[in-house]
Amino acid sequence: MSDPIPELRLWQAVLWRANQDLQASESSRDREFQDVRRWIGEYPSRDFREVCMMANLEPDFVHPRLHKALSEKLERLAAHRQRKNFAAE
């Protein structure tokens, strides 16, 4: 029987990387940000659910947290953009 731990860690790393791409983005136009934004979505997609299940995590637990992080990041980016535009005036 093979060791399931490496595969489990791989899928957990996929979720970790999605969060890292989300947090590291400096613009909502960054490709990584757009990819993560689509993948997280308003509701967990089939792919999202599958990754969570392969990571041995409950999609209905993970999705609201990532979606909240996405919403907060969008708010921070919008506030930053407003400050930048205001300073340019």
N, C-alpha and C. Protein backbone atom coordinates (compact mmCIF):
# COMPACT_ATOMS: atom_id res chain seq x y z
N MET A 1 0.84 -1.18 0.00
CA MET A 1 0.00 0.00 0.00
C MET A 1 0.89 1.25 0.00
N SER A 2 0.55 2.23 -0.82
CA SER A 2 1.37 3.44 -0.91
C SER A 2 1.02 4.42 0.20
N ASP A 3 1.94 5.30 0.48
CA ASP A 3 1.79 6.31 1.53
C ASP A 3 0.94 7.47 0.99
N PRO A 4 -0.23 7.74 1.58
CA PRO A 4 -1.09 8.81 1.07
C PRO A 4 -0.63 10.22 1.45
N ILE A 5 0.30 10.32 2.36
CA ILE A 5 0.72 11.63 2.88
C ILE A 5 1.29 12.55 1.79
N PRO A 6 2.18 12.10 0.90
CA PRO A 6 2.69 13.03 -0.12
C PRO A 6 1.59 13.60 -1.01
N GLU A 7 0.62 12.77 -1.40
CA GLU A 7 -0.48 13.26 -2.23
C GLU A 7 -1.35 14.25 -1.45
N LEU A 8 -1.59 13.94 -0.21
CA LEU A 8 -2.37 14.83 0.65
C LEU A 8 -1.68 16.19 0.77
N ARG A 9 -0.40 16.17 0.97
CA ARG A 9 0.37 17.42 1.08
C ARG A 9 0.37 18.21 -0.23
N LEU A 10 0.39 17.50 -1.34
CA LEU A 10 0.34 18.16 -2.64
C LEU A 10 -0.95 18.97 -2.77
N TRP A 11 -2.10 18.36 -2.46
CA TRP A 11 -3.38 19.06 -2.60
C TRP A 11 -3.53 20.17 -1.56
N GLN A 12 -2.97 19.97 -0.39
CA GLN A 12 -2.97 21.05 0.60
C GLN A 12 -2.13 22.22 0.11
N ALA A 13 -1.03 21.91 -0.58
CA ALA A 13 -0.17 22.95 -1.15
C ALA A 13 -0.90 23.74 -2.24
N VAL A 14 -1.79 23.08 -2.98
CA VAL A 14 -2.57 23.78 -4.00
C VAL A 14 -3.43 24.85 -3.33
N LEU A 15 -4.08 24.50 -2.23
CA LEU A 15 -4.90 25.47 -1.50
C LEU A 15 -4.04 26.56 -0.88
N TRP A 16 -2.91 26.19 -0.33
CA TRP A 16 -2.00 27.17 0.26
C TRP A 16 -1.52 28.15 -0.80
N ARG A 17 -1.18 27.63 -1.98
CA ARG A 17 -0.70 28.49 -3.06
C ARG A 17 -1.79 29.45 -3.54
N ALA A 18 -3.02 28.98 -3.59
CA ALA A 18 -4.12 29.87 -3.98
C ALA A 18 -4.22 31.02 -3.01
N ASN A 19 -4.11 30.73 -1.73
CA ASN A 19 -4.14 31.79 -0.72
C ASN A 19 -2.94 32.72 -0.85
N GLN A 20 -1.78 32.17 -1.11
CA GLN A 20 -0.57 32.99 -1.30
C GLN A 20 -0.71 33.91 -2.51
N ASP A 21 -1.20 33.39 -3.62
CA ASP A 21 -1.41 34.21 -4.82
C ASP A 21 -2.39 35.32 -4.53
N LEU A 22 -3.41 35.00 -3.78
CA LEU A 22 -4.42 36.00 -3.41
C LEU A 22 -3.80 37.11 -2.57
N GLN A 23 -3.06 36.74 -1.56
CA GLN A 23 -2.49 37.73 -0.65
C GLN A 23 -1.35 38.53 -1.27
N ALA A 24 -0.59 37.93 -2.15
CA ALA A 24 0.59 38.58 -2.72
C ALA A 24 0.25 39.56 -3.84
N SER A 25 -0.94 39.46 -4.38
CA SER A 25 -1.31 40.30 -5.52
C SER A 25 -1.33 41.77 -5.13
N GLU A 26 -0.76 42.57 -6.01
CA GLU A 26 -0.74 44.02 -5.79
C GLU A 26 -1.80 44.72 -6.63
N SER A 27 -2.47 43.97 -7.47
CA SER A 27 -3.50 44.52 -8.32
C SER A 27 -4.53 43.45 -8.62
N SER A 28 -5.78 43.88 -8.72
CA SER A 28 -6.82 42.91 -9.07
C SER A 28 -6.69 42.48 -10.52
N ARG A 29 -5.78 43.11 -11.25
CA ARG A 29 -5.54 42.74 -12.65
C ARG A 29 -4.43 41.71 -12.80
N ASP A 30 -3.71 41.40 -11.73
CA ASP A 30 -2.67 40.38 -11.80
C ASP A 30 -3.27 39.07 -12.27
N ARG A 31 -2.55 38.40 -13.14
CA ARG A 31 -3.06 37.14 -13.69
C ARG A 31 -3.34 36.11 -12.59
N GLU A 32 -2.40 35.97 -11.66
CA GLU A 32 -2.58 35.00 -10.58
C GLU A 32 -3.82 35.33 -9.76
N PHE A 33 -4.02 36.63 -9.50
CA PHE A 33 -5.18 37.06 -8.74
C PHE A 33 -6.47 36.71 -9.48
N GLN A 34 -6.50 36.99 -10.77
CA GLN A 34 -7.69 36.69 -11.57
C GLN A 34 -7.96 35.19 -11.60
N ASP A 35 -6.90 34.40 -11.74
CA ASP A 35 -7.06 32.94 -11.76
C ASP A 35 -7.65 32.44 -10.43
N VAL A 36 -7.10 32.93 -9.32
CA VAL A 36 -7.59 32.51 -8.00
C VAL A 36 -9.01 33.00 -7.78
N ARG A 37 -9.28 34.22 -8.20
CA ARG A 37 -10.61 34.79 -8.04
C ARG A 37 -11.66 33.93 -8.76
N ARG A 38 -11.35 33.54 -9.99
CA ARG A 38 -12.27 32.68 -10.74
C ARG A 38 -12.40 31.31 -10.07
N TRP A 39 -11.28 30.77 -9.60
CA TRP A 39 -11.30 29.43 -9.01
C TRP A 39 -12.09 29.41 -7.71
N ILE A 40 -11.93 30.44 -6.88
CA ILE A 40 -12.69 30.49 -5.63
C ILE A 40 -14.16 30.71 -5.94
N GLY A 41 -14.46 31.72 -6.75
CA GLY A 41 -15.83 31.99 -7.16
C GLY A 41 -16.76 32.34 -6.01
N GLU A 42 -17.99 32.61 -6.37
CA GLU A 42 -19.02 32.90 -5.36
C GLU A 42 -19.40 31.63 -4.59
N TYR A 43 -19.40 30.53 -5.30
CA TYR A 43 -19.75 29.24 -4.73
C TYR A 43 -18.66 28.25 -5.11
N PRO A 44 -18.40 27.27 -4.26
CA PRO A 44 -17.34 26.32 -4.58
C PRO A 44 -17.68 25.50 -5.82
N SER A 45 -16.76 25.57 -6.77
CA SER A 45 -16.95 24.81 -8.02
C SER A 45 -16.65 23.33 -7.78
N ARG A 46 -16.93 22.56 -8.78
CA ARG A 46 -16.61 21.13 -8.70
C ARG A 46 -15.11 20.92 -8.51
N ASP A 47 -14.29 21.69 -9.26
CA ASP A 47 -12.84 21.59 -9.12
C ASP A 47 -12.38 21.98 -7.72
N PHE A 48 -12.94 23.06 -7.20
CA PHE A 48 -12.58 23.50 -5.86
C PHE A 48 -12.92 22.42 -4.83
N ARG A 49 -14.11 21.87 -4.95
CA ARG A 49 -14.53 20.81 -4.02
C ARG A 49 -13.61 19.59 -4.12
N GLU A 50 -13.23 19.24 -5.33
CA GLU A 50 -12.37 18.09 -5.52
C GLU A 50 -11.00 18.30 -4.89
N VAL A 51 -10.43 19.49 -5.09
CA VAL A 51 -9.13 19.78 -4.49
C VAL A 51 -9.22 19.71 -2.96
N CYS A 52 -10.26 20.29 -2.40
CA CYS A 52 -10.44 20.24 -0.94
C CYS A 52 -10.55 18.80 -0.45
N MET A 53 -11.33 18.02 -1.15
CA MET A 53 -11.50 16.63 -0.73
C MET A 53 -10.19 15.85 -0.83
N MET A 54 -9.42 16.11 -1.89
CA MET A 54 -8.13 15.44 -2.04
C MET A 54 -7.15 15.89 -0.95
N ALA A 55 -7.36 17.11 -0.45
CA ALA A 55 -6.51 17.64 0.63
C ALA A 55 -7.03 17.22 2.00
N ASN A 56 -8.10 16.42 2.00
CA ASN A 56 -8.74 15.95 3.22
C ASN A 56 -9.29 17.12 4.05
N LEU A 57 -9.84 18.11 3.34
CA LEU A 57 -10.45 19.27 3.98
C LEU A 57 -11.89 19.41 3.48
N GLU A 58 -12.75 19.90 4.33
CA GLU A 58 -14.15 20.07 3.98
C GLU A 58 -14.33 21.34 3.14
N PRO A 59 -14.79 21.21 1.88
CA PRO A 59 -14.96 22.38 1.02
C PRO A 59 -15.87 23.45 1.62
N ASP A 60 -16.91 23.03 2.34
CA ASP A 60 -17.84 23.99 2.93
C ASP A 60 -17.22 24.71 4.13
N PHE A 61 -16.10 24.25 4.61
CA PHE A 61 -15.34 24.94 5.65
C PHE A 61 -14.31 25.87 5.01
N VAL A 62 -13.63 25.39 3.98
CA VAL A 62 -12.53 26.13 3.35
C VAL A 62 -13.05 27.29 2.50
N HIS A 63 -14.09 27.04 1.71
CA HIS A 63 -14.55 28.06 0.76
C HIS A 63 -14.95 29.38 1.42
N PRO A 64 -15.76 29.38 2.47
CA PRO A 64 -16.13 30.68 3.06
C PRO A 64 -14.92 31.47 3.55
N ARG A 65 -13.91 30.79 4.01
CA ARG A 65 -12.72 31.47 4.51
C ARG A 65 -11.91 32.08 3.37
N LEU A 66 -11.74 31.31 2.28
CA LEU A 66 -11.03 31.85 1.13
C LEU A 66 -11.84 32.95 0.46
N HIS A 67 -13.15 32.78 0.41
CA HIS A 67 -14.00 33.81 -0.19
C HIS A 67 -13.93 35.11 0.63
N LYS A 68 -13.91 34.98 1.94
CA LYS A 68 -13.78 36.16 2.81
C LYS A 68 -12.43 36.84 2.57
N ALA A 69 -11.37 36.06 2.49
CA ALA A 69 -10.03 36.62 2.22
C ALA A 69 -10.02 37.33 0.87
N LEU A 70 -10.69 36.76 -0.12
CA LEU A 70 -10.79 37.39 -1.43
C LEU A 70 -11.52 38.72 -1.34
N SER A 71 -12.65 38.75 -0.65
CA SER A 71 -13.43 39.98 -0.50
C SER A 71 -12.62 41.06 0.21
N GLU A 72 -11.92 40.67 1.27
CA GLU A 72 -11.11 41.63 2.01
C GLU A 72 -9.97 42.17 1.15
N LYS A 73 -9.37 41.31 0.35
CA LYS A 73 -8.29 41.74 -0.54
C LYS A 73 -8.83 42.72 -1.58
N LEU A 74 -9.99 42.44 -2.13
CA LEU A 74 -10.59 43.34 -3.10
C LEU A 74 -10.87 44.71 -2.47
N GLU A 75 -11.32 44.73 -1.24
CA GLU A 75 -11.57 45.99 -0.53
C GLU A 75 -10.27 46.76 -0.33
N ARG A 76 -9.20 46.06 0.07
CA ARG A 76 -7.90 46.73 0.28
C ARG A 76 -7.36 47.28 -1.03
N LEU A 77 -7.50 46.52 -2.11
CA LEU A 77 -7.03 46.98 -3.41
C LEU A 77 -7.82 48.20 -3.88
N ALA A 78 -9.12 48.19 -3.65
CA ALA A 78 -9.96 49.33 -4.04
C ALA A 78 -9.60 50.57 -3.23
N ALA A 79 -9.38 50.40 -1.93
CA ALA A 79 -9.00 51.54 -1.08
C ALA A 79 -7.64 52.08 -1.50
N HIS A 80 -6.72 51.21 -1.82
CA HIS A 80 -5.40 51.64 -2.27
C HIS A 80 -5.50 52.41 -3.59
N ARG A 81 -6.32 51.91 -4.48
CA ARG A 81 -6.50 52.56 -5.76
C ARG A 81 -7.12 53.96 -5.58
N GLN A 82 -8.08 54.08 -4.65
CA GLN A 82 -8.70 55.37 -4.38
C GLN A 82 -7.69 56.36 -3.81
N ARG A 83 -6.87 55.90 -2.86
CA ARG A 83 -5.84 56.77 -2.27
C ARG A 83 -4.86 57.22 -3.35
N LYS A 84 -4.50 56.30 -4.20
CA LYS A 84 -3.54 56.61 -5.28
C LYS A 84 -4.14 57.63 -6.23
N ASN A 85 -5.40 57.45 -6.62
CA ASN A 85 -6.07 58.39 -7.51
C ASN A 85 -6.25 59.75 -6.85
N PHE A 86 -6.58 59.76 -5.56
CA PHE A 86 -6.76 61.01 -4.84
C PHE A 86 -5.45 61.79 -4.75
N ALA A 87 -4.35 61.06 -4.51
CA ALA A 87 -3.04 61.70 -4.42
C ALA A 87 -2.60 62.28 -5.76
N ALA A 88 -3.05 61.68 -6.84
CA ALA A 88 -2.65 62.15 -8.18
C ALA A 88 -3.40 63.43 -8.57
N GLU A 89 -4.52 63.70 -7.92
CA GLU A 89 -5.31 64.89 -8.28
C GLU A 89 -4.71 66.15 -7.79
